[in-house]
Amino acid sequence: KKLDETCWKVSNFYSYINYHIKCSKAYFHARMRKRTDEWLQVLNRAKPDTVKDKKTASGRTFVRTV
């Protein structure tokens, strides 16, 4: 009986380790995706606003001279 239990544990050890490696890999990838999403939000907020052409009431573009 003890031999059967030992054989069962040894034969399933690879599957057990493989499962946990896959789970931890998925967990780390999810964390990395979340981190990159947060960094992209920060970078998008840091973008300077583009200068838009201002229009007068008649529809002409307004050019400011300095």
N, C-alpha and C. Protein backbone atom coordinates (compact mmCIF):
# COMPACT_ATOMS: atom_id res chain seq x y z
N LYS A 1 0.83 -1.20 0.00
CA LYS A 1 0.00 0.00 0.00
C LYS A 1 0.87 1.25 0.00
N LYS A 2 1.91 1.24 0.79
CA LYS A 2 2.80 2.41 0.86
C LYS A 2 3.49 2.65 -0.47
N LEU A 3 3.83 1.60 -1.16
CA LEU A 3 4.46 1.71 -2.47
C LEU A 3 3.51 2.35 -3.49
N ASP A 4 2.24 1.95 -3.42
CA ASP A 4 1.25 2.53 -4.32
C ASP A 4 1.08 4.02 -4.08
N GLU A 5 1.01 4.42 -2.81
CA GLU A 5 0.88 5.84 -2.48
C GLU A 5 2.10 6.63 -2.95
N THR A 6 3.26 6.08 -2.76
CA THR A 6 4.49 6.75 -3.19
C THR A 6 4.53 6.90 -4.70
N CYS A 7 4.17 5.87 -5.41
CA CYS A 7 4.14 5.93 -6.88
C CYS A 7 3.12 6.98 -7.35
N TRP A 8 1.99 7.01 -6.69
CA TRP A 8 0.95 7.99 -7.05
C TRP A 8 1.46 9.41 -6.83
N LYS A 9 2.10 9.67 -5.71
CA LYS A 9 2.62 11.01 -5.40
C LYS A 9 3.72 11.41 -6.38
N VAL A 10 4.61 10.49 -6.69
CA VAL A 10 5.70 10.79 -7.60
C VAL A 10 5.18 11.05 -9.01
N SER A 11 4.21 10.28 -9.44
CA SER A 11 3.69 10.45 -10.79
C SER A 11 2.88 11.75 -10.93
N ASN A 12 2.26 12.20 -9.87
CA ASN A 12 1.47 13.43 -9.92
C ASN A 12 2.25 14.67 -9.53
N PHE A 13 3.48 14.52 -9.10
CA PHE A 13 4.27 15.68 -8.67
C PHE A 13 4.51 16.64 -9.82
N TYR A 14 4.81 16.11 -11.01
CA TYR A 14 5.05 16.96 -12.18
C TYR A 14 3.81 17.79 -12.50
N SER A 15 2.65 17.17 -12.50
CA SER A 15 1.41 17.88 -12.79
C SER A 15 1.14 18.95 -11.74
N TYR A 16 1.40 18.63 -10.50
CA TYR A 16 1.19 19.57 -9.40
C TYR A 16 2.08 20.80 -9.57
N ILE A 17 3.35 20.58 -9.84
CA ILE A 17 4.29 21.69 -10.02
C ILE A 17 3.94 22.49 -11.27
N ASN A 18 3.63 21.79 -12.35
CA ASN A 18 3.28 22.46 -13.60
C ASN A 18 2.06 23.36 -13.42
N TYR A 19 1.05 22.88 -12.72
CA TYR A 19 -0.15 23.68 -12.45
C TYR A 19 0.18 24.95 -11.69
N HIS A 20 0.99 24.83 -10.66
CA HIS A 20 1.32 26.00 -9.85
C HIS A 20 2.21 26.98 -10.60
N ILE A 21 3.07 26.50 -11.45
CA ILE A 21 3.89 27.40 -12.26
C ILE A 21 3.01 28.18 -13.22
N LYS A 22 2.05 27.51 -13.84
CA LYS A 22 1.15 28.20 -14.77
C LYS A 22 0.30 29.24 -14.04
N CYS A 23 -0.17 28.89 -12.85
CA CYS A 23 -0.98 29.84 -12.08
C CYS A 23 -0.17 31.07 -11.68
N SER A 24 1.04 30.84 -11.22
CA SER A 24 1.86 31.99 -10.81
C SER A 24 2.24 32.84 -12.01
N LYS A 25 2.48 32.22 -13.17
CA LYS A 25 2.80 32.96 -14.38
C LYS A 25 1.61 33.84 -14.78
N ALA A 26 0.41 33.29 -14.72
CA ALA A 26 -0.79 34.07 -15.05
C ALA A 26 -0.97 35.22 -14.07
N TYR A 27 -0.70 34.98 -12.80
CA TYR A 27 -0.82 36.02 -11.78
C TYR A 27 0.17 37.15 -12.05
N PHE A 28 1.43 36.80 -12.36
CA PHE A 28 2.43 37.84 -12.62
C PHE A 28 2.09 38.62 -13.89
N HIS A 29 1.58 37.95 -14.90
CA HIS A 29 1.23 38.65 -16.13
C HIS A 29 0.05 39.59 -15.90
N ALA A 30 -0.90 39.19 -15.09
CA ALA A 30 -2.03 40.07 -14.78
C ALA A 30 -1.54 41.31 -14.04
N ARG A 31 -0.61 41.11 -13.11
CA ARG A 31 -0.05 42.27 -12.38
C ARG A 31 0.70 43.20 -13.32
N MET A 32 1.46 42.61 -14.25
CA MET A 32 2.21 43.45 -15.20
C MET A 32 1.26 44.22 -16.11
N ARG A 33 0.18 43.56 -16.56
CA ARG A 33 -0.79 44.26 -17.40
C ARG A 33 -1.42 45.42 -16.65
N LYS A 34 -1.75 45.20 -15.38
CA LYS A 34 -2.35 46.26 -14.58
C LYS A 34 -1.37 47.42 -14.41
N ARG A 35 -0.11 47.09 -14.17
CA ARG A 35 0.91 48.11 -14.00
C ARG A 35 1.12 48.93 -15.26
N THR A 36 1.14 48.26 -16.41
CA THR A 36 1.32 49.00 -17.66
C THR A 36 0.11 49.87 -17.95
N ASP A 37 -1.09 49.40 -17.62
CA ASP A 37 -2.28 50.24 -17.80
C ASP A 37 -2.20 51.49 -16.93
N GLU A 38 -1.73 51.34 -15.70
CA GLU A 38 -1.58 52.50 -14.83
C GLU A 38 -0.55 53.47 -15.37
N TRP A 39 0.58 52.93 -15.88
CA TRP A 39 1.62 53.81 -16.44
C TRP A 39 1.10 54.53 -17.68
N LEU A 40 0.31 53.83 -18.51
CA LEU A 40 -0.24 54.49 -19.69
C LEU A 40 -1.20 55.61 -19.31
N GLN A 41 -1.96 55.42 -18.25
CA GLN A 41 -2.84 56.49 -17.78
C GLN A 41 -2.03 57.69 -17.33
N VAL A 42 -0.95 57.44 -16.60
CA VAL A 42 -0.10 58.54 -16.13
C VAL A 42 0.52 59.27 -17.32
N LEU A 43 1.01 58.52 -18.29
CA LEU A 43 1.63 59.14 -19.46
C LEU A 43 0.61 59.92 -20.29
N ASN A 44 -0.58 59.40 -20.42
CA ASN A 44 -1.60 60.11 -21.19
C ASN A 44 -2.02 61.40 -20.49
N ARG A 45 -2.03 61.39 -19.17
CA ARG A 45 -2.36 62.61 -18.44
C ARG A 45 -1.25 63.65 -18.56
N ALA A 46 -0.01 63.18 -18.77
CA ALA A 46 1.13 64.10 -18.83
C ALA A 46 1.30 64.72 -20.22
N LYS A 47 0.56 64.26 -21.21
CA LYS A 47 0.69 64.82 -22.55
C LYS A 47 0.24 66.27 -22.54
N PRO A 48 1.00 67.13 -23.17
CA PRO A 48 0.55 68.53 -23.24
C PRO A 48 -0.63 68.64 -24.19
N ASP A 49 -1.52 69.56 -23.87
CA ASP A 49 -2.66 69.78 -24.74
C ASP A 49 -2.18 70.39 -26.05
N THR A 50 -2.76 69.95 -27.14
CA THR A 50 -2.38 70.52 -28.42
C THR A 50 -3.00 71.90 -28.55
N VAL A 51 -2.27 72.78 -29.19
CA VAL A 51 -2.76 74.14 -29.37
C VAL A 51 -3.82 74.11 -30.46
N LYS A 52 -5.01 74.52 -30.09
CA LYS A 52 -6.09 74.53 -31.05
C LYS A 52 -6.22 75.93 -31.64
N ASP A 53 -6.55 75.99 -32.91
CA ASP A 53 -6.76 77.29 -33.55
C ASP A 53 -8.03 77.90 -33.00
N LYS A 54 -7.91 79.14 -32.57
CA LYS A 54 -9.09 79.83 -32.07
C LYS A 54 -9.79 80.51 -33.23
N LYS A 55 -11.09 80.48 -33.19
CA LYS A 55 -11.88 81.05 -34.27
C LYS A 55 -12.63 82.26 -33.75
N THR A 56 -12.80 83.22 -34.62
CA THR A 56 -13.58 84.40 -34.27
C THR A 56 -15.06 84.07 -34.46
N ALA A 57 -15.90 85.01 -34.13
CA ALA A 57 -17.33 84.78 -34.25
C ALA A 57 -17.75 84.57 -35.70
N SER A 58 -17.01 85.19 -36.63
CA SER A 58 -17.37 85.03 -38.03
C SER A 58 -16.83 83.74 -38.64
N GLY A 59 -15.97 83.02 -37.91
CA GLY A 59 -15.47 81.75 -38.39
C GLY A 59 -14.04 81.79 -38.86
N ARG A 60 -13.42 82.96 -38.85
CA ARG A 60 -12.02 83.06 -39.27
C ARG A 60 -11.12 82.57 -38.15
N THR A 61 -9.95 82.09 -38.54
CA THR A 61 -9.01 81.65 -37.52
C THR A 61 -8.31 82.86 -36.92
N PHE A 62 -8.08 82.76 -35.64
CA PHE A 62 -7.47 83.86 -34.89
C PHE A 62 -5.99 83.53 -34.69
N VAL A 63 -5.14 84.42 -35.17
CA VAL A 63 -3.70 84.23 -35.03
C VAL A 63 -3.20 85.31 -34.07
N ARG A 64 -2.63 84.89 -32.99
CA ARG A 64 -2.13 85.83 -31.98
C ARG A 64 -0.72 86.26 -32.36
N THR A 65 -0.47 87.53 -32.43
CA THR A 65 0.87 88.03 -32.68
C THR A 65 1.47 88.47 -31.37
N VAL A 66 2.70 88.09 -31.14
CA VAL A 66 3.33 88.41 -29.87
C VAL A 66 4.15 89.64 -29.98
